[in-house]
Amino acid sequence: MEITSNSNNMYNLHIRKLLTDMQASYDAGTIDNNVLNFQDRLDKLAATYQNNDSLGKLRYKLYEAQAYLHYFKGDNSLALKFIDEAVKIRGETFKGAVNLEDFISNKRHNSNVPPKHLPIDGWLAFLVFCLGVGVLYNIYQSFTGWGNFSLLTPAVNAVYPGLYSLTVAEQIAPILAVIFGIAVIILIFQRKKLARTLGIIFLICTVLWTGIDYSIATNMFANNTAAQNAINSGSASEFRLVIPAILWSCYLIFSKKVKRVLVIK
């Protein structure tokens, strides 16, 4: 009788320890990394005690542990099947079964409730403000840029055959920037994950276009000192936007806050 009692005590101790460890891992968010380990421990307990007739109804705890492991894994259907089996073996319901059924019922109820979104504040709010300023600036650029076409006389086009294409591109670029900027702002307020991807692409393209535009213009007017001075003067403000664009790109790539706020697919 004493041997049987010690065996049952060890069984209860192992089961309790397993359930405690699973709960701790679930609370810490590491359950996915430890599922195989917990399943292995449970399988070993089952192999040791499953056919132990002295346990009697206590075998229900193996099924209870398996039910909780499936619950922690997110498989509610299997969790309910194992907890029902545990109740059958025990011959009556018990607190662990009631708790698990309540957990699953509440989770299903809460899954139908729209999640409470995190606020758009801090650096993310400042990014939205900067994008808004950028939209206004590019609207101004798109309106004032039309005056550059008056400089494209036949004589100028003959000397600089690529100038017309460059001028057209420089007129289209701010219009595209306005469209992308507004799109990113709207997607951020909608908490769309696409806002992060589109924002990164938009900012990186801004950096690349600034460099490409400056490089083409300086090469085209390499022998024109007056034009070079005008390009350098006009490009100074453009290049001041490059560093912020790079920093904001890094922010969108690495910020955990952005990933937590932008949650809707």
Protein backbone atom coordinates (compact mmCIF):
# COMPACT_ATOMS: atom_id res chain seq x y z
CA MET A 1 0.00 0.00 0.00
CA GLU A 2 2.83 2.39 0.81
CA ILE A 3 4.50 1.69 -2.56
CA THR A 4 1.22 2.44 -4.34
CA SER A 5 0.78 5.67 -2.37
CA ASN A 6 4.31 6.83 -3.20
CA SER A 7 3.75 6.03 -6.87
CA ASN A 8 0.53 8.07 -6.90
CA ASN A 9 2.25 10.96 -5.15
CA MET A 10 5.06 11.00 -7.73
CA TYR A 11 2.48 10.86 -10.49
CA ASN A 12 0.57 13.80 -9.06
CA LEU A 13 3.80 15.72 -8.56
CA HIS A 14 4.94 15.20 -12.16
CA ILE A 15 1.54 16.16 -13.57
CA ARG A 16 1.32 19.30 -11.42
CA LYS A 17 4.86 20.30 -12.39
CA LEU A 18 4.09 19.78 -16.08
CA LEU A 19 0.92 21.89 -15.91
CA THR A 20 2.75 24.63 -14.01
CA ASP A 21 5.60 24.71 -16.54
CA MET A 22 3.17 24.83 -19.48
CA GLN A 23 1.24 27.70 -17.92
CA ALA A 24 4.45 29.63 -17.24
CA SER A 25 5.67 29.10 -20.80
CA TYR A 26 2.30 30.20 -22.19
CA ASP A 27 2.28 33.34 -20.04
CA ALA A 28 5.85 34.14 -21.15
CA GLY A 29 4.95 33.72 -24.82
CA THR A 30 7.45 30.87 -25.35
CA ILE A 31 4.96 28.01 -25.60
CA ASP A 32 5.58 27.48 -29.33
CA ASN A 33 9.26 26.84 -28.66
CA ASN A 34 8.54 24.37 -25.85
CA VAL A 35 5.60 22.38 -27.21
CA LEU A 36 7.73 19.44 -28.33
CA ASN A 37 9.46 19.30 -24.96
CA PHE A 38 6.14 19.37 -23.08
CA GLN A 39 4.66 16.72 -25.37
CA ASP A 40 7.69 14.52 -24.82
CA ARG A 41 7.37 14.86 -21.04
CA LEU A 42 3.67 14.05 -21.25
CA ASP A 43 4.29 11.01 -23.46
CA LYS A 44 6.84 9.68 -20.97
CA LEU A 45 4.38 10.13 -18.11
CA ALA A 46 1.71 8.33 -20.12
CA ALA A 47 4.08 5.48 -20.93
CA THR A 48 4.94 5.16 -17.25
CA TYR A 49 1.51 5.52 -15.68
CA GLN A 50 -1.14 4.87 -18.36
CA ASN A 51 -1.40 1.15 -17.56
CA ASN A 52 -0.91 1.53 -13.83
CA ASP A 53 -4.15 0.07 -12.45
CA SER A 54 -3.43 1.50 -9.03
CA LEU A 55 -4.03 5.00 -10.39
CA GLY A 56 -7.66 4.26 -11.15
CA LYS A 57 -9.53 7.43 -12.02
CA LEU A 58 -6.38 9.52 -11.51
CA ARG A 59 -5.45 8.68 -15.09
CA TYR A 60 -7.80 11.51 -16.07
CA LYS A 61 -4.98 13.95 -15.24
CA LEU A 62 -3.00 12.72 -18.27
CA TYR A 63 -5.91 13.68 -20.49
CA GLU A 64 -6.34 16.97 -18.64
CA ALA A 65 -2.68 17.80 -19.25
CA GLN A 66 -3.00 16.88 -22.93
CA ALA A 67 -6.11 19.06 -23.20
CA TYR A 68 -4.30 22.06 -21.73
CA LEU A 69 -1.32 21.53 -24.01
CA HIS A 70 -3.60 21.61 -27.06
CA TYR A 71 -5.29 24.72 -25.66
CA PHE A 72 -1.95 26.48 -25.24
CA LYS A 73 -1.09 25.47 -28.83
CA GLY A 74 -4.34 27.09 -30.00
CA ASP A 75 -6.12 23.85 -30.99
CA ASN A 76 -9.37 24.33 -29.06
CA SER A 77 -11.17 21.47 -30.80
CA LEU A 78 -8.68 18.83 -29.64
CA ALA A 79 -8.46 20.48 -26.22
CA LEU A 80 -12.21 19.98 -25.73
CA LYS A 81 -12.03 16.36 -26.89
CA PHE A 82 -9.30 15.52 -24.38
CA ILE A 83 -11.00 17.37 -21.52
CA ASP A 84 -14.25 15.51 -22.27
CA GLU A 85 -12.31 12.25 -22.11
CA ALA A 86 -10.79 13.33 -18.81
CA VAL A 87 -14.27 13.95 -17.39
CA LYS A 88 -15.43 10.51 -18.56
CA ILE A 89 -12.46 8.78 -16.92
CA ARG A 90 -12.93 10.67 -13.67
CA GLY A 91 -16.68 10.05 -13.77
CA GLU A 92 -17.59 13.63 -12.98
CA THR A 93 -16.67 17.15 -13.98
CA PHE A 94 -13.95 19.00 -12.10
CA LYS A 95 -12.54 22.50 -11.68
CA GLY A 96 -9.80 22.12 -14.33
CA ALA A 97 -12.34 20.99 -16.93
CA VAL A 98 -14.73 23.83 -16.13
CA ASN A 99 -11.91 26.39 -16.26
CA LEU A 100 -10.65 25.13 -19.61
CA GLU A 101 -14.12 25.17 -21.14
CA ASP A 102 -14.62 28.71 -19.84
CA PHE A 103 -11.26 29.81 -21.29
CA ILE A 104 -12.18 28.42 -24.70
CA SER A 105 -15.69 29.88 -24.57
CA ASN A 106 -14.37 33.33 -23.64
CA LYS A 107 -11.69 33.18 -26.33
CA ARG A 108 -14.31 32.39 -28.97
CA HIS A 109 -16.51 35.21 -27.69
CA ASN A 110 -13.65 37.71 -27.66
CA SER A 111 -12.55 36.69 -31.17
CA ASN A 112 -15.78 38.25 -32.48
CA VAL A 113 -15.04 41.55 -30.78
CA PRO A 114 -13.00 44.04 -32.85
CA PRO A 115 -9.56 44.42 -31.27
CA LYS A 116 -8.79 47.65 -29.47
CA HIS A 117 -6.20 49.43 -31.56
CA LEU A 118 -3.17 51.11 -30.08
CA PRO A 119 -3.13 54.90 -30.50
CA ILE A 120 -1.17 56.62 -33.24
CA ASP A 121 1.11 58.72 -31.07
CA GLY A 122 4.79 59.45 -30.38
CA TRP A 123 7.17 59.04 -33.31
CA LEU A 124 4.49 57.45 -35.47
CA ALA A 125 2.30 60.53 -35.08
CA PHE A 126 5.31 62.72 -35.92
CA LEU A 127 5.90 60.63 -39.04
CA VAL A 128 2.30 61.28 -40.12
CA PHE A 129 2.89 65.00 -39.55
CA CYS A 130 6.11 64.95 -41.63
CA LEU A 131 4.34 63.05 -44.41
CA GLY A 132 1.61 65.70 -44.37
CA VAL A 133 4.19 68.48 -44.67
CA GLY A 134 5.84 66.54 -47.50
CA VAL A 135 2.52 66.26 -49.32
CA LEU A 136 1.98 70.04 -49.11
CA TYR A 137 5.56 70.71 -50.25
CA ASN A 138 5.21 68.41 -53.27
CA ILE A 139 1.87 69.96 -54.21
CA TYR A 140 3.66 73.31 -54.29
CA GLN A 141 6.48 71.75 -56.35
CA SER A 142 4.05 70.23 -58.83
CA PHE A 143 2.37 73.61 -59.46
CA THR A 144 5.56 75.69 -59.72
CA GLY A 145 7.40 73.11 -61.82
CA TRP A 146 5.41 73.88 -64.94
CA GLY A 147 7.42 77.09 -65.38
CA ASN A 148 10.50 75.06 -66.22
CA PHE A 149 8.98 74.01 -69.53
CA SER A 150 9.20 77.62 -70.75
CA LEU A 151 12.99 77.24 -70.73
CA LEU A 152 12.88 74.37 -73.21
CA THR A 153 13.42 76.34 -76.41
CA PRO A 154 14.46 74.55 -79.62
CA ALA A 155 18.00 75.86 -79.17
CA VAL A 156 18.26 74.52 -75.62
CA ASN A 157 16.79 71.16 -76.61
CA ALA A 158 19.30 70.91 -79.43
CA VAL A 159 22.23 71.41 -77.06
CA TYR A 160 20.75 69.27 -74.25
CA PRO A 161 18.60 66.59 -75.94
CA GLY A 162 17.85 64.82 -72.67
CA LEU A 163 16.66 67.93 -70.83
CA TYR A 164 13.03 67.60 -71.88
CA SER A 165 12.75 64.04 -70.52
CA LEU A 166 14.44 65.09 -67.28
CA THR A 167 12.07 68.05 -66.88
CA VAL A 168 9.04 65.82 -67.43
CA ALA A 169 10.36 63.34 -64.85
CA GLU A 170 10.96 66.16 -62.38
CA GLN A 171 7.35 67.27 -62.87
CA ILE A 172 5.93 63.77 -62.45
CA ALA A 173 8.00 62.96 -59.33
CA PRO A 174 6.25 65.41 -56.95
CA ILE A 175 2.83 64.32 -58.21
CA LEU A 176 3.71 60.70 -57.43
CA ALA A 177 5.08 61.78 -54.06
CA VAL A 178 1.75 63.43 -53.23
CA ILE A 179 -0.16 60.28 -54.16
CA PHE A 180 2.14 57.96 -52.20
CA GLY A 181 2.29 60.32 -49.21
CA ILE A 182 -1.49 60.57 -48.95
CA ALA A 183 -1.85 56.80 -49.42
CA VAL A 184 0.61 56.05 -46.59
CA ILE A 185 -1.13 58.51 -44.24
CA ILE A 186 -4.55 56.97 -44.94
CA LEU A 187 -3.23 53.42 -44.48
CA ILE A 188 -1.61 54.37 -41.17
CA PHE A 189 -4.90 55.74 -39.84
CA GLN A 190 -6.59 52.55 -41.05
CA ARG A 191 -3.92 50.53 -39.18
CA LYS A 192 -3.10 48.62 -42.37
CA LYS A 193 0.11 46.60 -42.46
CA LEU A 194 0.53 47.77 -46.06
CA ALA A 195 1.27 51.28 -44.71
CA ARG A 196 4.64 50.09 -43.39
CA THR A 197 5.68 48.41 -46.65
CA LEU A 198 4.45 51.25 -48.84
CA GLY A 199 6.07 53.82 -46.56
CA ILE A 200 9.45 52.08 -46.74
CA ILE A 201 9.25 51.84 -50.54
CA PHE A 202 8.18 55.49 -50.82
CA LEU A 203 11.02 56.79 -48.61
CA ILE A 204 13.69 54.65 -50.26
CA CYS A 205 12.50 55.74 -53.71
CA THR A 206 12.68 59.37 -52.53
CA VAL A 207 16.34 58.89 -51.59
CA LEU A 208 17.15 57.11 -54.87
CA TRP A 209 15.35 59.66 -57.02
CA THR A 210 17.13 62.57 -55.35
CA GLY A 211 20.51 61.00 -56.12
CA ILE A 212 19.58 60.00 -59.66
CA ASP A 213 18.10 63.39 -60.50
CA TYR A 214 21.16 65.23 -59.18
CA SER A 215 23.57 62.88 -60.97
CA ILE A 216 21.83 63.20 -64.37
CA ALA A 217 21.54 66.98 -64.10
CA THR A 218 25.17 67.54 -63.12
CA ASN A 219 26.44 65.26 -65.89
CA MET A 220 24.20 66.96 -68.44
CA PHE A 221 25.47 70.44 -67.51
CA ALA A 222 29.04 69.46 -66.71
CA ASN A 223 30.44 72.24 -68.92
CA ASN A 224 27.97 74.93 -67.86
CA THR A 225 29.14 76.67 -64.67
CA ALA A 226 26.00 78.80 -64.29
CA ALA A 227 23.75 75.79 -64.65
CA GLN A 228 25.90 73.82 -62.19
CA ASN A 229 25.54 76.57 -59.61
CA ALA A 230 21.77 76.64 -60.12
CA ILE A 231 21.57 72.84 -59.78
CA ASN A 232 23.64 72.85 -56.59
CA SER A 233 21.54 75.65 -55.14
CA GLY A 234 18.25 73.91 -55.97
CA SER A 235 19.47 70.49 -54.87
CA ALA A 236 20.58 71.69 -51.44
CA SER A 237 17.01 71.63 -50.13
CA GLU A 238 16.38 68.26 -51.78
CA PHE A 239 19.39 66.63 -50.14
CA ARG A 240 18.31 67.95 -46.75
CA LEU A 241 15.39 65.54 -47.11
CA VAL A 242 17.60 62.51 -47.74
CA ILE A 243 18.79 61.95 -44.17
CA PRO A 244 15.27 62.23 -42.66
CA ALA A 245 14.00 59.84 -45.34
CA ILE A 246 16.70 57.32 -44.43
CA LEU A 247 15.98 57.68 -40.71
CA TRP A 248 12.23 57.28 -41.19
CA SER A 249 12.86 54.21 -43.36
CA CYS A 250 14.86 52.66 -40.54
CA TYR A 251 12.10 53.58 -38.11
CA LEU A 252 9.46 51.79 -40.19
CA ILE A 253 11.71 48.75 -40.64
CA PHE A 254 12.79 48.26 -37.03
CA SER A 255 10.13 49.90 -34.85
CA LYS A 256 8.12 47.40 -32.77
CA LYS A 257 5.55 50.12 -32.10
CA VAL A 258 4.80 50.41 -35.83
CA LYS A 259 4.30 46.64 -36.08
CA ARG A 260 1.96 46.67 -33.06
CA VAL A 261 -0.15 49.56 -34.36
CA LEU A 262 -0.41 48.43 -37.99
CA VAL A 263 -2.25 45.17 -37.44
CA ILE A 264 -4.95 44.94 -40.11
CA LYS A 265 -4.11 42.97 -43.24
